[in-house]
């Protein structure tokens, strides 16, 4: 299943993709729960199942949502509920991030090629601690954007960069997971662009507290959240957790700049989640990124002389593609 959050006026509504249409989940649940000709109210359905993608996951409502999907596939789901369309053409809607406000958001540092190259370009040896435990940083879970325009301030435009990543969304809550428990907690995957203002980032990281203003202005997620069952043909199970064989690509203004594969993560998502959960309660709906794949940002490409001091500027279009996760398209806009 491919879950989305779409805009309906000033509201955000949860849905899933079926062919070239979006099925509105609340209306689908109301149609499925209708009894004796009486359709439950939106408030009744929201109280029972939740309304956002995070609510539906956290409340354990996804089995019922899958029943809506089966009914829709078999043409047994009402086209309208209270004169409102259950099905909407994808082209007629505007997508937000699938999870616009995750409970928390962390980003890993899992690709050896990216870490080695970035350090070598700065004249540094590979750090041995990389092989001892997976690391991550907290980023701004209230700074999430979806497809479309990404607004930046003037100082962000000084060496503005994209980062080609994927992320997992947790499907269950827990604390101090084993790797097996962490793997089982993965609900689905989506594309993640960890936008980076490199001038700000490099200055503040001299103080050894990690990125802050260089990262917190925007992280783009989308266009949809793909459940792990859909990715089974491209998944290999290991004793370190699932490995996802998904090709990754980035384009700036139509030029192909970055190429990677999610299977090249040195640390699996399960290992990152297990580390993140040590002594800490994680919640369903949290987002955890992979970190940048090798060649996956301009900082790395410029340092390796693949590109010549190329940085993003207002008006640029950045497209991230990950096999079976879709295409995340963003345009830089100076506020």
Protein backbone atom coordinates (compact mmCIF):
# COMPACT_ATOMS: atom_id res chain seq x y z
CA UNK A 1 0.00 0.00 0.00
CA UNK A 2 1.10 3.53 -0.81
CA UNK A 3 -0.17 5.96 1.82
CA UNK A 4 -0.42 9.69 1.16
CA UNK A 5 -1.51 12.89 2.82
CA UNK A 6 -3.24 15.26 0.44
CA UNK A 7 -4.52 18.81 0.70
CA UNK A 8 -8.23 19.57 0.62
CA UNK A 9 -8.45 23.33 0.97
CA UNK A 10 -6.80 24.13 4.28
CA UNK A 11 -7.21 20.55 5.54
CA UNK A 12 -4.83 17.61 5.27
CA UNK A 13 -6.46 14.23 4.62
CA UNK A 14 -5.10 10.68 4.62
CA UNK A 15 -5.47 8.43 1.61
CA UNK A 16 -3.88 5.63 -0.36
CA UNK A 17 -3.06 5.28 -4.04
CA UNK A 18 -5.07 2.92 -6.22
CA UNK A 19 -4.03 3.11 -9.86
CA UNK A 20 -4.31 6.73 -10.94
CA UNK A 21 -6.59 7.72 -8.07
CA UNK A 22 -6.36 8.46 -4.36
CA UNK A 23 -8.86 6.75 -2.07
CA UNK A 24 -9.85 8.98 0.84
CA UNK A 25 -9.43 6.77 3.91
CA UNK A 26 -11.98 8.46 6.19
CA UNK A 27 -14.69 8.27 3.53
CA UNK A 28 -13.71 4.69 2.71
CA UNK A 29 -13.97 3.70 6.38
CA UNK A 30 -17.35 5.42 6.67
CA UNK A 31 -18.62 3.56 3.61
CA UNK A 32 -17.30 0.24 4.94
CA UNK A 33 -18.81 0.82 8.41
CA UNK A 34 -22.24 1.82 7.06
CA UNK A 35 -25.00 -0.35 8.51
CA UNK A 36 -28.69 -0.44 7.72
CA UNK A 37 -28.28 2.46 5.33
CA UNK A 38 -26.79 4.65 8.06
CA UNK A 39 -23.33 6.09 7.43
CA UNK A 40 -21.25 6.91 10.52
CA UNK A 41 -20.18 10.52 10.93
CA UNK A 42 -16.60 11.70 10.30
CA UNK A 43 -16.23 12.24 14.06
CA UNK A 44 -17.31 8.64 14.79
CA UNK A 45 -14.77 7.22 12.33
CA UNK A 46 -11.99 9.51 13.55
CA UNK A 47 -12.70 8.52 17.16
CA UNK A 48 -12.57 4.83 16.29
CA UNK A 49 -9.66 4.71 13.85
CA UNK A 50 -7.86 8.08 13.83
CA UNK A 51 -7.61 10.52 10.96
CA UNK A 52 -3.93 11.05 10.09
CA UNK A 53 -1.51 8.47 8.72
CA UNK A 54 0.30 8.45 12.08
CA UNK A 55 -3.02 7.95 13.92
CA UNK A 56 -3.98 5.03 11.70
CA UNK A 57 -0.61 3.35 12.26
CA UNK A 58 -0.40 4.03 16.01
CA UNK A 59 -3.97 2.93 16.75
CA UNK A 60 -3.59 -0.36 14.91
CA UNK A 61 -6.19 0.62 12.31
CA UNK A 62 -4.27 -0.48 9.24
CA UNK A 63 -6.00 -3.89 9.01
CA UNK A 64 -9.29 -2.05 8.59
CA UNK A 65 -7.71 0.31 6.04
CA UNK A 66 -6.57 -2.72 4.07
CA UNK A 67 -10.20 -3.90 4.04
CA UNK A 68 -11.06 -0.56 2.45
CA UNK A 69 -8.35 -1.22 -0.13
CA UNK A 70 -9.71 -4.69 -0.94
CA UNK A 71 -13.22 -3.28 -1.30
CA UNK A 72 -11.91 -0.57 -3.63
CA UNK A 73 -9.93 -3.05 -5.73
CA UNK A 74 -13.07 -5.19 -6.13
CA UNK A 75 -15.25 -2.17 -6.95
CA UNK A 76 -17.28 -2.65 -3.78
CA UNK A 77 -16.52 0.74 -2.25
CA UNK A 78 -19.04 3.55 -2.69
CA UNK A 79 -17.94 6.26 -5.14
CA UNK A 80 -19.35 8.97 -2.85
CA UNK A 81 -20.14 9.36 0.83
CA UNK A 82 -22.55 12.16 1.76
CA UNK A 83 -22.03 13.57 -1.73
CA UNK A 84 -18.25 13.72 -1.25
CA UNK A 85 -16.01 11.71 -3.56
CA UNK A 86 -14.27 8.67 -2.12
CA UNK A 87 -11.94 8.56 -5.13
CA UNK A 88 -9.90 11.53 -6.36
CA UNK A 89 -7.73 11.70 -9.50
CA UNK A 90 -4.09 12.03 -8.44
CA UNK A 91 -3.62 14.90 -10.86
CA UNK A 92 -6.36 16.90 -9.17
CA UNK A 93 -4.75 16.81 -5.73
CA UNK A 94 -1.75 18.42 -4.06
CA UNK A 95 0.34 16.09 -1.92
CA UNK A 96 1.84 17.04 1.42
CA UNK A 97 4.44 14.87 3.15
CA UNK A 98 2.87 11.48 3.97
CA UNK A 99 3.63 12.23 7.63
CA UNK A 100 3.58 16.03 7.91
CA UNK A 101 4.41 16.16 11.63
CA UNK A 102 6.10 12.96 12.82
CA UNK A 103 6.36 12.49 16.60
CA UNK A 104 10.14 12.66 16.23
CA UNK A 105 12.68 12.48 13.42
CA UNK A 106 16.23 11.18 13.41
CA UNK A 107 18.71 10.88 10.57
CA UNK A 108 21.41 8.24 10.41
CA UNK A 109 24.92 8.18 8.92
CA UNK A 110 24.92 4.70 7.46
CA UNK A 111 26.69 4.81 4.07
CA UNK A 112 30.43 4.19 4.33
CA UNK A 113 31.13 5.58 0.86
CA UNK A 114 29.65 8.95 1.76
CA UNK A 115 31.45 9.15 5.10
CA UNK A 116 34.84 8.09 3.67
CA UNK A 117 34.63 10.43 0.69
CA UNK A 118 33.44 13.43 2.70
CA UNK A 119 36.26 12.94 5.23
CA UNK A 120 38.90 12.34 2.56
CA UNK A 121 37.85 15.53 0.79
CA UNK A 122 38.56 17.37 4.05
CA UNK A 123 41.96 15.69 4.44
CA UNK A 124 40.77 13.38 7.26
CA UNK A 125 41.27 9.66 7.82
CA UNK A 126 38.24 7.39 8.11
CA UNK A 127 37.03 7.47 11.70
CA UNK A 128 37.16 3.97 13.33
CA UNK A 129 34.09 4.60 15.51
CA UNK A 130 31.97 4.40 12.34
CA UNK A 131 32.29 0.61 12.50
CA UNK A 132 31.55 0.34 16.21
CA UNK A 133 27.98 1.66 16.39
CA UNK A 134 25.46 3.45 14.17
CA UNK A 135 25.04 7.16 14.83
CA UNK A 136 22.22 9.61 14.15
CA UNK A 137 21.19 13.15 14.91
CA UNK A 138 17.81 14.64 15.75
CA UNK A 139 16.38 16.93 13.12
CA UNK A 140 13.35 19.20 13.20
CA UNK A 141 10.19 17.10 13.06
CA UNK A 142 8.18 20.31 12.65
CA UNK A 143 10.23 21.40 9.63
CA UNK A 144 8.88 18.70 7.31
CA UNK A 145 7.81 19.53 3.76
CA UNK A 146 6.41 17.29 1.05
CA UNK A 147 6.64 17.55 -2.72
CA UNK A 148 6.61 21.07 -4.17
CA UNK A 149 8.20 24.33 -3.10
CA UNK A 150 10.79 24.46 -0.33
CA UNK A 151 11.17 27.92 1.17
CA UNK A 152 14.59 29.07 2.32
CA UNK A 153 16.05 32.21 3.86
CA UNK A 154 18.97 34.22 2.50
CA UNK A 155 21.66 32.55 4.62
CA UNK A 156 20.44 29.08 3.58
CA UNK A 157 21.35 29.96 -0.01
CA UNK A 158 25.06 30.07 0.80
CA UNK A 159 26.15 26.59 -0.34
CA UNK A 160 22.66 25.10 -0.27
CA UNK A 161 22.67 21.33 -0.78
CA UNK A 162 20.37 18.34 -1.18
CA UNK A 163 20.92 14.90 0.37
CA UNK A 164 19.65 11.74 -1.32
CA UNK A 165 18.25 9.42 1.35
CA UNK A 166 15.46 7.03 2.25
CA UNK A 167 13.78 6.74 5.64
CA UNK A 168 11.70 4.25 7.56
CA UNK A 169 8.56 4.94 9.55
CA UNK A 170 8.01 2.97 12.75
CA UNK A 171 4.84 0.92 12.97
CA UNK A 172 4.97 0.13 16.67
CA UNK A 173 6.22 1.68 19.88
CA UNK A 174 8.84 0.26 22.21
CA UNK A 175 12.02 0.70 24.19
CA UNK A 176 15.48 -0.91 24.00
CA UNK A 177 14.62 -3.01 20.94
CA UNK A 178 16.69 -5.98 19.90
CA UNK A 179 17.68 -5.86 16.24
CA UNK A 180 14.91 -8.39 15.50
CA UNK A 181 12.32 -6.31 17.32
CA UNK A 182 13.55 -3.18 15.57
CA UNK A 183 13.26 -4.87 12.18
CA UNK A 184 9.71 -5.99 12.97
CA UNK A 185 8.84 -2.42 13.98
CA UNK A 186 9.47 -1.03 10.47
CA UNK A 187 6.12 -0.11 8.92
CA UNK A 188 7.25 1.34 5.61
CA UNK A 189 9.74 3.42 3.66
CA UNK A 190 9.74 6.78 1.90
CA UNK A 191 12.16 9.14 0.18
CA UNK A 192 13.90 11.74 2.33
CA UNK A 193 15.75 14.90 1.28
CA UNK A 194 17.79 16.26 4.18
CA UNK A 195 18.32 19.81 2.90
CA UNK A 196 21.58 21.32 4.13
CA UNK A 197 22.83 24.89 4.34
CA UNK A 198 26.51 24.02 4.27
CA UNK A 199 27.93 27.43 5.21
CA UNK A 200 25.82 27.53 8.37
CA UNK A 201 26.47 23.85 9.09
CA UNK A 202 30.26 24.06 8.81
CA UNK A 203 30.48 27.04 11.14
CA UNK A 204 28.25 25.63 13.87
CA UNK A 205 29.78 22.12 13.79
CA UNK A 206 33.10 23.61 14.89
CA UNK A 207 31.43 23.73 18.32
CA UNK A 208 31.05 19.92 18.34
CA UNK A 209 27.29 19.79 18.87
CA UNK A 210 26.31 18.60 15.43
CA UNK A 211 24.20 20.33 12.77
CA UNK A 212 21.39 22.66 13.88
CA UNK A 213 20.55 25.80 11.86
CA UNK A 214 22.26 24.22 8.87
CA UNK A 215 19.60 21.52 8.83
CA UNK A 216 16.48 22.48 10.77
CA UNK A 217 14.80 24.66 8.15
CA UNK A 218 13.46 21.82 5.98
CA UNK A 219 13.40 18.08 5.45
CA UNK A 220 11.31 16.82 2.54
CA UNK A 221 9.49 13.48 2.69
CA UNK A 222 7.37 11.76 0.08
CA UNK A 223 5.67 11.50 -2.23
CA UNK A 224 4.10 8.50 -0.48
CA UNK A 225 4.82 6.00 2.30
CA UNK A 226 5.23 2.46 0.95
CA UNK A 227 4.45 -0.42 3.32
CA UNK A 228 7.17 -3.04 3.71
CA UNK A 229 5.02 -5.85 2.30
CA UNK A 230 5.08 -4.13 -1.11
CA UNK A 231 8.88 -4.13 -0.98
CA UNK A 232 9.24 -7.85 -0.18
CA UNK A 233 10.49 -8.77 -3.70
CA UNK A 234 13.35 -6.29 -3.26
CA UNK A 235 14.18 -7.23 0.34
CA UNK A 236 16.82 -9.59 1.68
CA UNK A 237 16.51 -10.82 5.26
CA UNK A 238 19.75 -11.01 7.28
CA UNK A 239 20.60 -11.53 10.93
CA UNK A 240 21.28 -7.77 11.04
CA UNK A 241 17.83 -6.90 9.74
CA UNK A 242 16.29 -6.37 6.33
CA UNK A 243 18.37 -5.08 3.43
CA UNK A 244 16.44 -3.21 0.74
CA UNK A 245 17.72 -3.44 -2.86
CA UNK A 246 16.41 -0.10 -4.13
CA UNK A 247 18.25 2.05 -6.65
CA UNK A 248 18.62 5.75 -5.78
CA UNK A 249 19.12 8.74 -8.10
CA UNK A 250 19.18 12.55 -7.83
CA UNK A 251 18.72 15.18 -10.53
CA UNK A 252 19.21 18.95 -10.42
CA UNK A 253 17.45 20.86 -13.20
CA UNK A 254 17.27 17.63 -15.18
CA UNK A 255 20.97 16.73 -14.84
CA UNK A 256 21.64 13.33 -13.27
CA UNK A 257 24.18 13.88 -10.47
CA UNK A 258 23.81 11.12 -7.86
CA UNK A 259 23.47 7.34 -8.04
CA UNK A 260 23.30 4.83 -5.20
CA UNK A 261 21.47 1.85 -3.78
CA UNK A 262 19.87 1.44 -0.37
CA UNK A 263 21.45 -2.02 -0.09
CA UNK A 264 24.83 -0.29 0.33
CA UNK A 265 24.01 0.89 3.86
CA UNK A 266 26.79 -0.29 6.18
CA UNK A 267 24.34 -0.21 9.09
CA UNK A 268 20.80 -1.53 8.54
CA UNK A 269 17.71 0.39 9.55
CA UNK A 270 17.11 -2.26 12.22
CA UNK A 271 20.53 -1.61 13.76
CA UNK A 272 19.97 2.16 13.72
CA UNK A 273 16.54 1.75 15.36
CA UNK A 274 17.92 -0.61 18.01
CA UNK A 275 20.64 1.92 18.85
CA UNK A 276 18.15 4.81 18.92
CA UNK A 277 15.79 2.90 21.24
CA UNK A 278 18.42 2.05 23.85
CA UNK A 279 17.01 3.36 27.13
CA UNK A 280 14.50 5.49 25.17
CA UNK A 281 10.87 4.97 24.20
CA UNK A 282 10.21 5.22 20.47
CA UNK A 283 6.69 5.80 19.15
CA UNK A 284 4.81 4.58 16.12
CA UNK A 285 5.03 7.12 13.34
CA UNK A 286 8.58 8.26 14.07
CA UNK A 287 10.82 8.79 11.03
CA UNK A 288 14.42 7.53 10.89
CA UNK A 289 16.59 8.38 7.87
CA UNK A 290 19.37 6.36 6.29
CA UNK A 291 21.82 9.22 5.91
CA UNK A 292 23.22 10.29 2.55
CA UNK A 293 24.14 7.61 0.05
CA UNK A 294 27.52 7.71 -1.70
CA UNK A 295 27.59 10.55 -4.30
CA UNK A 296 24.30 11.74 -2.77
CA UNK A 297 25.05 15.44 -2.18
CA UNK A 298 26.88 18.36 -3.73
CA UNK A 299 29.30 18.61 -0.80
CA UNK A 300 30.68 15.22 -1.75
CA UNK A 301 30.50 15.77 -5.53
CA UNK A 302 32.23 19.17 -5.37
CA UNK A 303 34.94 17.83 -3.09
CA UNK A 304 35.58 14.95 -5.51
CA UNK A 305 35.67 17.36 -8.49
CA UNK A 306 32.71 15.61 -10.12
CA UNK A 307 31.01 19.00 -10.05
CA UNK A 308 32.70 22.39 -9.98
CA UNK A 309 31.55 24.39 -6.95
CA UNK A 310 27.92 23.68 -7.81
CA UNK A 311 25.35 24.66 -5.18
CA UNK A 312 21.58 25.03 -5.25
CA UNK A 313 19.96 28.40 -5.85
CA UNK A 314 16.38 29.71 -5.87
CA UNK A 315 14.45 28.38 -8.84
CA UNK A 316 16.37 25.09 -9.01
CA UNK A 317 14.39 21.86 -9.25
CA UNK A 318 15.69 18.85 -7.31
CA UNK A 319 14.30 15.40 -8.08
CA UNK A 320 15.07 12.38 -5.90
CA UNK A 321 14.09 8.94 -7.20
CA UNK A 322 14.20 5.66 -5.30
CA UNK A 323 13.04 2.46 -6.98
CA UNK A 324 9.50 1.51 -5.90
CA UNK A 325 9.31 4.51 -3.54
CA UNK A 326 8.51 7.03 -6.26
CA UNK A 327 9.86 10.42 -7.21
CA UNK A 328 10.14 13.41 -4.83
CA UNK A 329 10.16 16.70 -6.76
CA UNK A 330 11.00 20.00 -5.05
CA UNK A 331 11.72 23.56 -6.16
CA UNK A 332 13.85 26.00 -4.16
CA UNK A 333 12.10 29.29 -3.37
CA UNK A 334 13.72 32.17 -1.53
CA UNK A 335 11.32 33.48 1.08
